[in-house]
Structure formats: structure tokens, C-alpha cells
Amino acid sequence: MGQVLIRNLDEETLADYREAAERNRRSLEAELRDALKLARPVSRRRKEELLEISRRIRAMTPEGVKQTPSELLVREDRDGYRDAG
């Protein structure tokens, strides 16, 4: 595993991460490691992999099948219009 040293962090940012680490019951290092992982940019290779997965999933739907817009599904779910069964 690699290591990185980050200099000149402003105290307010560091304090926010310390607070988050305490709230999540982990070390500051673990909190920062998780933050970096979550904010990780998508590499060109990973982007291509994700696009290929999307193409394969899209190909599973037969042509001519009408798709329901996701915002409608979310709205119906939020408002309780959909059956739980």
C-alpha cells in the first residue's frame, strides 16, 4: 500500500474530519482513507468497464419495451402508491 503526506491542511477542515472520525468511532486516518475512497475519481479504464456493464444491462431489455422514468418510480415509492408485494 502506498502512503501520502498532505501538508498545510486548514484547521477547520481537519477539525471537521476529526469530529467525523469520532462520530464514526474510528481513527482520523481511517476517516480520511474512507473520504478519499468515496471521492476517488473514475479512471478511464474503470469508466469503460462501467459503460460496458451498462450496455450489457441495457441489452437485456427487448426492443420496444417502454421504460418507466426513474423519477416517476421514486415519486410513487415515496408517496406510497406502489404495492409492497
PDB file of N, CA and C in Angstrom:
ATOM      1  N   MET A   1       0.840  -1.181   0.000  1.00  0.00           N
ATOM      2  CA  MET A   1       0.000   0.000   0.000  1.00  0.00           C
ATOM      3  C   MET A   1       0.880   1.237   0.000  1.00  0.00           C
ATOM      4  N   GLY A   2       0.417   2.236  -0.709  1.00  0.00           N
ATOM      5  CA  GLY A   2       1.146   3.487  -0.766  1.00  0.00           C
ATOM      6  C   GLY A   2       0.830   4.395   0.409  1.00  0.00           C
ATOM      7  N   GLN A   3       1.644   5.417   0.558  1.00  0.00           N
ATOM      8  CA  GLN A   3       1.432   6.407   1.611  1.00  0.00           C
ATOM      9  C   GLN A   3       1.513   7.791   1.001  1.00  0.00           C
ATOM     10  N   VAL A   4       0.789   8.723   1.624  1.00  0.00           N
ATOM     11  CA  VAL A   4       0.781  10.102   1.168  1.00  0.00           C
ATOM     12  C   VAL A   4       0.870  11.018   2.383  1.00  0.00           C
ATOM     13  N   LEU A   5       1.620  12.077   2.265  1.00  0.00           N
ATOM     14  CA  LEU A   5       1.693  13.096   3.301  1.00  0.00           C
ATOM     15  C   LEU A   5       1.074  14.365   2.721  1.00  0.00           C
ATOM     16  N   ILE A   6       0.055  14.880   3.376  1.00  0.00           N
ATOM     17  CA  ILE A   6      -0.599  16.092   2.906  1.00  0.00           C
ATOM     18  C   ILE A   6      -0.255  17.227   3.868  1.00  0.00           C
ATOM     19  N   ARG A   7       0.361  18.234   3.360  1.00  0.00           N
ATOM     20  CA  ARG A   7       0.780  19.370   4.184  1.00  0.00           C
ATOM     21  C   ARG A   7      -0.215  20.523   4.063  1.00  0.00           C
ATOM     22  N   ASN A   8      -0.173  21.389   5.049  1.00  0.00           N
ATOM     23  CA  ASN A   8      -0.899  22.661   5.037  1.00  0.00           C
ATOM     24  C   ASN A   8      -2.419  22.517   4.938  1.00  0.00           C
ATOM     25  N   LEU A   9      -2.976  21.541   5.652  1.00  0.00           N
ATOM     26  CA  LEU A   9      -4.433  21.451   5.738  1.00  0.00           C
ATOM     27  C   LEU A   9      -4.917  22.540   6.683  1.00  0.00           C
ATOM     28  N   ASP A  10      -6.001  23.199   6.315  1.00  0.00           N
ATOM     29  CA  ASP A  10      -6.501  24.226   7.221  1.00  0.00           C
ATOM     30  C   ASP A  10      -7.143  23.553   8.434  1.00  0.00           C
ATOM     31  N   GLU A  11      -7.052  24.219   9.561  1.00  0.00           N
ATOM     32  CA  GLU A  11      -7.500  23.644  10.834  1.00  0.00           C
ATOM     33  C   GLU A  11      -8.991  23.318  10.836  1.00  0.00           C
ATOM     34  N   GLU A  12      -9.793  24.105  10.159  1.00  0.00           N
ATOM     35  CA  GLU A  12     -11.237  23.866  10.134  1.00  0.00           C
ATOM     36  C   GLU A  12     -11.567  22.546   9.428  1.00  0.00           C
ATOM     37  N   THR A  13     -10.903  22.303   8.311  1.00  0.00           N
ATOM     38  CA  THR A  13     -11.113  21.047   7.585  1.00  0.00           C
ATOM     39  C   THR A  13     -10.682  19.866   8.441  1.00  0.00           C
ATOM     40  N   LEU A  14      -9.524  19.986   9.050  1.00  0.00           N
ATOM     41  CA  LEU A  14      -9.012  18.922   9.897  1.00  0.00           C
ATOM     42  C   LEU A  14      -9.941  18.674  11.087  1.00  0.00           C
ATOM     43  N   ALA A  15     -10.445  19.739  11.676  1.00  0.00           N
ATOM     44  CA  ALA A  15     -11.373  19.605  12.808  1.00  0.00           C
ATOM     45  C   ALA A  15     -12.647  18.884  12.378  1.00  0.00           C
ATOM     46  N   ASP A  16     -13.151  19.187  11.188  1.00  0.00           N
ATOM     47  CA  ASP A  16     -14.349  18.507  10.685  1.00  0.00           C
ATOM     48  C   ASP A  16     -14.106  17.007  10.521  1.00  0.00           C
ATOM     49  N   TYR A  17     -12.945  16.640  10.003  1.00  0.00           N
ATOM     50  CA  TYR A  17     -12.631  15.223   9.836  1.00  0.00           C
ATOM     51  C   TYR A  17     -12.399  14.538  11.179  1.00  0.00           C
ATOM     52  N   ARG A  18     -11.785  15.245  12.120  1.00  0.00           N
ATOM     53  CA  ARG A  18     -11.617  14.672  13.470  1.00  0.00           C
ATOM     54  C   ARG A  18     -12.983  14.404  14.097  1.00  0.00           C
ATOM     55  N   GLU A  19     -13.894  15.364  13.955  1.00  0.00           N
ATOM     56  CA  GLU A  19     -15.247  15.209  14.500  1.00  0.00           C
ATOM     57  C   GLU A  19     -15.963  14.025  13.838  1.00  0.00           C
ATOM     58  N   ALA A  20     -15.840  13.923  12.519  1.00  0.00           N
ATOM     59  CA  ALA A  20     -16.471  12.811  11.799  1.00  0.00           C
ATOM     60  C   ALA A  20     -15.868  11.485  12.251  1.00  0.00           C
ATOM     61  N   ALA A  21     -14.558  11.440  12.441  1.00  0.00           N
ATOM     62  CA  ALA A  21     -13.892  10.214  12.881  1.00  0.00           C
ATOM     63  C   ALA A  21     -14.407   9.799  14.254  1.00  0.00           C
ATOM     64  N   GLU A  22     -14.539  10.750  15.139  1.00  0.00           N
ATOM     65  CA  GLU A  22     -15.052  10.451  16.477  1.00  0.00           C
ATOM     66  C   GLU A  22     -16.497   9.954  16.405  1.00  0.00           C
ATOM     67  N   ARG A  23     -17.297  10.628  15.608  1.00  0.00           N
ATOM     68  CA  ARG A  23     -18.704  10.246  15.439  1.00  0.00           C
ATOM     69  C   ARG A  23     -18.829   8.823  14.872  1.00  0.00           C
ATOM     70  N   ASN A  24     -17.908   8.473  13.968  1.00  0.00           N
ATOM     71  CA  ASN A  24     -17.934   7.149  13.338  1.00  0.00           C
ATOM     72  C   ASN A  24     -17.102   6.123  14.095  1.00  0.00           C
ATOM     73  N   ARG A  25     -16.570   6.538  15.241  1.00  0.00           N
ATOM     74  CA  ARG A  25     -15.779   5.651  16.104  1.00  0.00           C
ATOM     75  C   ARG A  25     -14.612   5.000  15.378  1.00  0.00           C
ATOM     76  N   ARG A  26     -13.856   5.824  14.701  1.00  0.00           N
ATOM     77  CA  ARG A  26     -12.649   5.319  14.049  1.00  0.00           C
ATOM     78  C   ARG A  26     -11.576   6.391  14.090  1.00  0.00           C
ATOM     79  N   SER A  27     -10.401   6.023  13.666  1.00  0.00           N
ATOM     80  CA  SER A  27      -9.281   6.957  13.707  1.00  0.00           C
ATOM     81  C   SER A  27      -9.422   8.021  12.624  1.00  0.00           C
ATOM     82  N   LEU A  28      -8.691   9.109  12.821  1.00  0.00           N
ATOM     83  CA  LEU A  28      -8.664  10.160  11.807  1.00  0.00           C
ATOM     84  C   LEU A  28      -8.135   9.598  10.492  1.00  0.00           C
ATOM     85  N   GLU A  29      -7.132   8.755  10.577  1.00  0.00           N
ATOM     86  CA  GLU A  29      -6.566   8.140   9.370  1.00  0.00           C
ATOM     87  C   GLU A  29      -7.610   7.315   8.621  1.00  0.00           C
ATOM     88  N   ALA A  30      -8.380   6.519   9.359  1.00  0.00           N
ATOM     89  CA  ALA A  30      -9.417   5.697   8.722  1.00  0.00           C
ATOM     90  C   ALA A  30     -10.496   6.585   8.099  1.00  0.00           C
ATOM     91  N   GLU A  31     -10.834   7.671   8.778  1.00  0.00           N
ATOM     92  CA  GLU A  31     -11.842   8.594   8.247  1.00  0.00           C
ATOM     93  C   GLU A  31     -11.364   9.230   6.941  1.00  0.00           C
ATOM     94  N   LEU A  32     -10.120   9.663   6.924  1.00  0.00           N
ATOM     95  CA  LEU A  32      -9.560  10.280   5.718  1.00  0.00           C
ATOM     96  C   LEU A  32      -9.412   9.265   4.592  1.00  0.00           C
ATOM     97  N   ARG A  33      -9.027   8.040   4.934  1.00  0.00           N
ATOM     98  CA  ARG A  33      -8.901   6.992   3.922  1.00  0.00           C
ATOM     99  C   ARG A  33     -10.254   6.741   3.259  1.00  0.00           C
ATOM    100  N   ASP A  34     -11.317   6.685   4.082  1.00  0.00           N
ATOM    101  CA  ASP A  34     -12.653   6.464   3.546  1.00  0.00           C
ATOM    102  C   ASP A  34     -13.102   7.645   2.686  1.00  0.00           C
ATOM    103  N   ALA A  35     -12.812   8.860   3.139  1.00  0.00           N
ATOM    104  CA  ALA A  35     -13.189  10.052   2.368  1.00  0.00           C
ATOM    105  C   ALA A  35     -12.504  10.056   1.003  1.00  0.00           C
ATOM    106  N   LEU A  36     -11.235   9.697   0.973  1.00  0.00           N
ATOM    107  CA  LEU A  36     -10.519   9.633  -0.301  1.00  0.00           C
ATOM    108  C   LEU A  36     -11.095   8.553  -1.204  1.00  0.00           C
ATOM    109  N   LYS A  37     -11.452   7.419  -0.621  1.00  0.00           N
ATOM    110  CA  LYS A  37     -12.015   6.328  -1.414  1.00  0.00           C
ATOM    111  C   LYS A  37     -13.357   6.735  -2.017  1.00  0.00           C
ATOM    112  N   LEU A  38     -14.200   7.409  -1.218  1.00  0.00           N
ATOM    113  CA  LEU A  38     -15.515   7.826  -1.705  1.00  0.00           C
ATOM    114  C   LEU A  38     -15.419   8.912  -2.783  1.00  0.00           C
ATOM    115  N   ALA A  39     -14.415   9.763  -2.677  1.00  0.00           N
ATOM    116  CA  ALA A  39     -14.263  10.867  -3.633  1.00  0.00           C
ATOM    117  C   ALA A  39     -13.330  10.504  -4.788  1.00  0.00           C
ATOM    118  N   ARG A  40     -12.952   9.251  -4.854  1.00  0.00           N
ATOM    119  CA  ARG A  40     -11.995   8.789  -5.855  1.00  0.00           C
ATOM    120  C   ARG A  40     -12.503   9.066  -7.273  1.00  0.00           C
ATOM    121  N   PRO A  41     -11.674   9.693  -8.087  1.00  0.00           N
ATOM    122  CA  PRO A  41     -12.080   9.920  -9.471  1.00  0.00           C
ATOM    123  C   PRO A  41     -12.152   8.603 -10.240  1.00  0.00           C
ATOM    124  N   VAL A  42     -13.007   8.562 -11.219  1.00  0.00           N
ATOM    125  CA  VAL A  42     -13.158   7.359 -12.037  1.00  0.00           C
ATOM    126  C   VAL A  42     -12.087   7.372 -13.124  1.00  0.00           C
ATOM    127  N   SER A  43     -11.253   6.348 -13.122  1.00  0.00           N
ATOM    128  CA  SER A  43     -10.204   6.264 -14.130  1.00  0.00           C
ATOM    129  C   SER A  43     -10.831   5.973 -15.489  1.00  0.00           C
ATOM    130  N   ARG A  44     -10.090   6.238 -16.527  1.00  0.00           N
ATOM    131  CA  ARG A  44     -10.578   5.975 -17.878  1.00  0.00           C
ATOM    132  C   ARG A  44     -10.932   4.506 -18.068  1.00  0.00           C
ATOM    133  N   ARG A  45     -10.085   3.610 -17.531  1.00  0.00           N
ATOM    134  CA  ARG A  45     -10.338   2.176 -17.656  1.00  0.00           C
ATOM    135  C   ARG A  45     -11.603   1.781 -16.897  1.00  0.00           C
ATOM    136  N   ARG A  46     -11.771   2.292 -15.680  1.00  0.00           N
ATOM    137  CA  ARG A  46     -12.955   1.960 -14.881  1.00  0.00           C
ATOM    138  C   ARG A  46     -14.213   2.525 -15.530  1.00  0.00           C
ATOM    139  N   LYS A  47     -14.108   3.709 -16.126  1.00  0.00           N
ATOM    140  CA  LYS A  47     -15.252   4.301 -16.808  1.00  0.00           C
ATOM    141  C   LYS A  47     -15.700   3.404 -17.964  1.00  0.00           C
ATOM    142  N   GLU A  48     -14.739   2.891 -18.732  1.00  0.00           N
ATOM    143  CA  GLU A  48     -15.068   1.991 -19.834  1.00  0.00           C
ATOM    144  C   GLU A  48     -15.717   0.708 -19.328  1.00  0.00           C
ATOM    145  N   GLU A  49     -15.220   0.197 -18.198  1.00  0.00           N
ATOM    146  CA  GLU A  49     -15.817  -1.007 -17.619  1.00  0.00           C
ATOM    147  C   GLU A  49     -17.270  -0.743 -17.217  1.00  0.00           C
ATOM    148  N   LEU A  50     -17.519   0.405 -16.585  1.00  0.00           N
ATOM    149  CA  LEU A  50     -18.875   0.749 -16.167  1.00  0.00           C
ATOM    150  C   LEU A  50     -19.801   0.947 -17.364  1.00  0.00           C
ATOM    151  N   LEU A  51     -19.291   1.559 -18.418  1.00  0.00           N
ATOM    152  CA  LEU A  51     -20.096   1.742 -19.619  1.00  0.00           C
ATOM    153  C   LEU A  51     -20.442   0.394 -20.257  1.00  0.00           C
ATOM    154  N   GLU A  52     -19.484  -0.525 -20.252  1.00  0.00           N
ATOM    155  CA  GLU A  52     -19.735  -1.854 -20.813  1.00  0.00           C
ATOM    156  C   GLU A  52     -20.785  -2.602 -20.006  1.00  0.00           C
ATOM    157  N   ILE A  53     -20.723  -2.496 -18.693  1.00  0.00           N
ATOM    158  CA  ILE A  53     -21.743  -3.117 -17.836  1.00  0.00           C
ATOM    159  C   ILE A  53     -23.110  -2.517 -18.151  1.00  0.00           C
ATOM    160  N   SER A  54     -23.165  -1.207 -18.315  1.00  0.00           N
ATOM    161  CA  SER A  54     -24.431  -0.534 -18.651  1.00  0.00           C
ATOM    162  C   SER A  54     -24.975  -1.013 -19.992  1.00  0.00           C
ATOM    163  N   ARG A  55     -24.097  -1.180 -20.970  1.00  0.00           N
ATOM    164  CA  ARG A  55     -24.532  -1.661 -22.288  1.00  0.00           C
ATOM    165  C   ARG A  55     -25.107  -3.075 -22.190  1.00  0.00           C
ATOM    166  N   ARG A  56     -24.444  -3.932 -21.406  1.00  0.00           N
ATOM    167  CA  ARG A  56     -24.933  -5.308 -21.250  1.00  0.00           C
ATOM    168  C   ARG A  56     -26.292  -5.332 -20.544  1.00  0.00           C
ATOM    169  N   ILE A  57     -26.452  -4.507 -19.542  1.00  0.00           N
ATOM    170  CA  ILE A  57     -27.735  -4.457 -18.831  1.00  0.00           C
ATOM    171  C   ILE A  57     -28.823  -3.931 -19.765  1.00  0.00           C
ATOM    172  N   ARG A  58     -28.499  -2.882 -20.523  1.00  0.00           N
ATOM    173  CA  ARG A  58     -29.467  -2.306 -21.457  1.00  0.00           C
ATOM    174  C   ARG A  58     -29.871  -3.334 -22.517  1.00  0.00           C
ATOM    175  N   ALA A  59     -28.939  -4.169 -22.938  1.00  0.00           N
ATOM    176  CA  ALA A  59     -29.218  -5.176 -23.971  1.00  0.00           C
ATOM    177  C   ALA A  59     -30.157  -6.264 -23.472  1.00  0.00           C
ATOM    178  N   MET A  60     -30.338  -6.390 -22.168  1.00  0.00           N
ATOM    179  CA  MET A  60     -31.247  -7.399 -21.615  1.00  0.00           C
ATOM    180  C   MET A  60     -32.716  -7.037 -21.832  1.00  0.00           C
ATOM    181  N   THR A  61     -32.994  -5.770 -22.082  1.00  0.00           N
ATOM    182  CA  THR A  61     -34.367  -5.330 -22.292  1.00  0.00           C
ATOM    183  C   THR A  61     -34.704  -5.440 -23.771  1.00  0.00           C
ATOM    184  N   PRO A  62     -35.730  -6.190 -24.100  1.00  0.00           N
ATOM    185  CA  PRO A  62     -36.100  -6.327 -25.514  1.00  0.00           C
ATOM    186  C   PRO A  62     -36.480  -4.969 -26.122  1.00  0.00           C
ATOM    187  N   GLU A  63     -36.214  -4.829 -27.411  1.00  0.00           N
ATOM    188  CA  GLU A  63     -36.561  -3.582 -28.109  1.00  0.00           C
ATOM    189  C   GLU A  63     -38.069  -3.387 -28.077  1.00  0.00           C
ATOM    190  N   GLY A  64     -38.472  -2.138 -27.972  1.00  0.00           N
ATOM    191  CA  GLY A  64     -39.888  -1.804 -27.988  1.00  0.00           C
ATOM    192  C   GLY A  64     -40.545  -1.819 -26.617  1.00  0.00           C
ATOM    193  N   VAL A  65     -39.821  -2.286 -25.600  1.00  0.00           N
ATOM    194  CA  VAL A  65     -40.386  -2.289 -24.248  1.00  0.00           C
ATOM    195  C   VAL A  65     -40.274  -0.874 -23.699  1.00  0.00           C
ATOM    196  N   LYS A  66     -41.417  -0.328 -23.327  1.00  0.00           N
ATOM    197  CA  LYS A  66     -41.441   1.035 -22.813  1.00  0.00           C
ATOM    198  C   LYS A  66     -40.896   1.063 -21.393  1.00  0.00           C
ATOM    199  N   GLN A  67     -40.000   1.990 -21.120  1.00  0.00           N
ATOM    200  CA  GLN A  67     -39.381   2.123 -19.810  1.00  0.00           C
ATOM    201  C   GLN A  67     -40.094   3.192 -18.987  1.00  0.00           C
ATOM    202  N   THR A  68     -40.257   2.928 -17.714  1.00  0.00           N
ATOM    203  CA  THR A  68     -40.839   3.912 -16.806  1.00  0.00           C
ATOM    204  C   THR A  68     -39.717   4.820 -16.315  1.00  0.00           C
ATOM    205  N   PRO A  69     -39.913   6.135 -16.418  1.00  0.00           N
ATOM    206  CA  PRO A  69     -38.873   7.056 -15.937  1.00  0.00           C
ATOM    207  C   PRO A  69     -38.608   6.847 -14.445  1.00  0.00           C
ATOM    208  N   SER A  70     -37.351   6.840 -14.058  1.00  0.00           N
ATOM    209  CA  SER A  70     -36.986   6.556 -12.672  1.00  0.00           C
ATOM    210  C   SER A  70     -37.576   7.569 -11.703  1.00  0.00           C
ATOM    211  N   GLU A  71     -37.687   8.836 -12.127  1.00  0.00           N
ATOM    212  CA  GLU A  71     -38.238   9.834 -11.206  1.00  0.00           C
ATOM    213  C   GLU A  71     -39.699   9.530 -10.863  1.00  0.00           C
ATOM    214  N   LEU A  72     -40.421   8.923 -11.805  1.00  0.00           N
ATOM    215  CA  LEU A  72     -41.805   8.531 -11.535  1.00  0.00           C
ATOM    216  C   LEU A  72     -41.841   7.388 -10.527  1.00  0.00           C
ATOM    217  N   LEU A  73     -40.964   6.418 -10.677  1.00  0.00           N
ATOM    218  CA  LEU A  73     -40.896   5.309  -9.733  1.00  0.00           C
ATOM    219  C   LEU A  73     -40.525   5.787  -8.335  1.00  0.00           C
ATOM    220  N   VAL A  74     -39.568   6.693  -8.259  1.00  0.00           N
ATOM    221  CA  VAL A  74     -39.155   7.227  -6.959  1.00  0.00           C
ATOM    222  C   VAL A  74     -40.306   7.991  -6.321  1.00  0.00           C
ATOM    223  N   ARG A  75     -40.975   8.812  -7.111  1.00  0.00           N
ATOM    224  CA  ARG A  75     -42.102   9.599  -6.587  1.00  0.00           C
ATOM    225  C   ARG A  75     -43.213   8.675  -6.087  1.00  0.00           C
ATOM    226  N   GLU A  76     -43.544   7.647  -6.866  1.00  0.00           N
ATOM    227  CA  GLU A  76     -44.587   6.713  -6.450  1.00  0.00           C
ATOM    228  C   GLU A  76     -44.188   5.974  -5.184  1.00  0.00           C
ATOM    229  N   ASP A  77     -42.937   5.573  -5.106  1.00  0.00           N
ATOM    230  CA  ASP A  77     -42.462   4.864  -3.924  1.00  0.00           C
ATOM    231  C   ASP A  77     -42.507   5.777  -2.701  1.00  0.00           C
ATOM    232  N   ARG A  78     -42.064   7.007  -2.874  1.00  0.00           N
ATOM    233  CA  ARG A  78     -42.054   7.978  -1.776  1.00  0.00           C
ATOM    234  C   ARG A  78     -43.459   8.270  -1.292  1.00  0.00           C
ATOM    235  N   ASP A  79     -44.402   8.392  -2.236  1.00  0.00           N
ATOM    236  CA  ASP A  79     -45.771   8.748  -1.874  1.00  0.00           C
ATOM    237  C   ASP A  79     -46.629   7.535  -1.511  1.00  0.00           C
ATOM    238  N   GLY A  80     -46.056   6.339  -1.597  1.00  0.00           N
ATOM    239  CA  GLY A  80     -46.753   5.144  -1.172  1.00  0.00           C
ATOM    240  C   GLY A  80     -47.758   4.588  -2.158  1.00  0.00           C
ATOM    241  N   TYR A  81     -47.600   4.884  -3.455  1.00  0.00           N
ATOM    242  CA  TYR A  81     -48.563   4.404  -4.451  1.00  0.00           C
ATOM    243  C   TYR A  81     -48.283   2.985  -4.896  1.00  0.00           C
ATOM    244  N   ARG A  82     -47.098   2.518  -4.676  1.00  0.00           N
ATOM    245  CA  ARG A  82     -46.737   1.196  -5.171  1.00  0.00           C
ATOM    246  C   ARG A  82     -47.041   0.145  -4.131  1.00  0.00           C
ATOM    247  N   ASP A  83     -47.453  -1.024  -4.569  1.00  0.00           N
ATOM    248  CA  ASP A  83     -47.705  -2.151  -3.676  1.00  0.00           C
ATOM    249  C   ASP A  83     -46.399  -2.641  -3.096  1.00  0.00           C
ATOM    250  N   ALA A  84     -46.406  -3.028  -1.853  1.00  0.00           N
ATOM    251  CA  ALA A  84     -45.203  -3.574  -1.223  1.00  0.00           C
ATOM    252  C   ALA A  84     -44.991  -5.022  -1.660  1.00  0.00           C
ATOM    253  N   GLY A  85     -46.008  -5.647  -2.248  1.00  0.00           N
ATOM    254  CA  GLY A  85     -45.912  -7.057  -2.611  1.00  0.00           C
ATOM    255  C   GLY A  85     -45.415  -7.214  -3.968  1.00  0.00           C
TER     256      GLY A  85
END
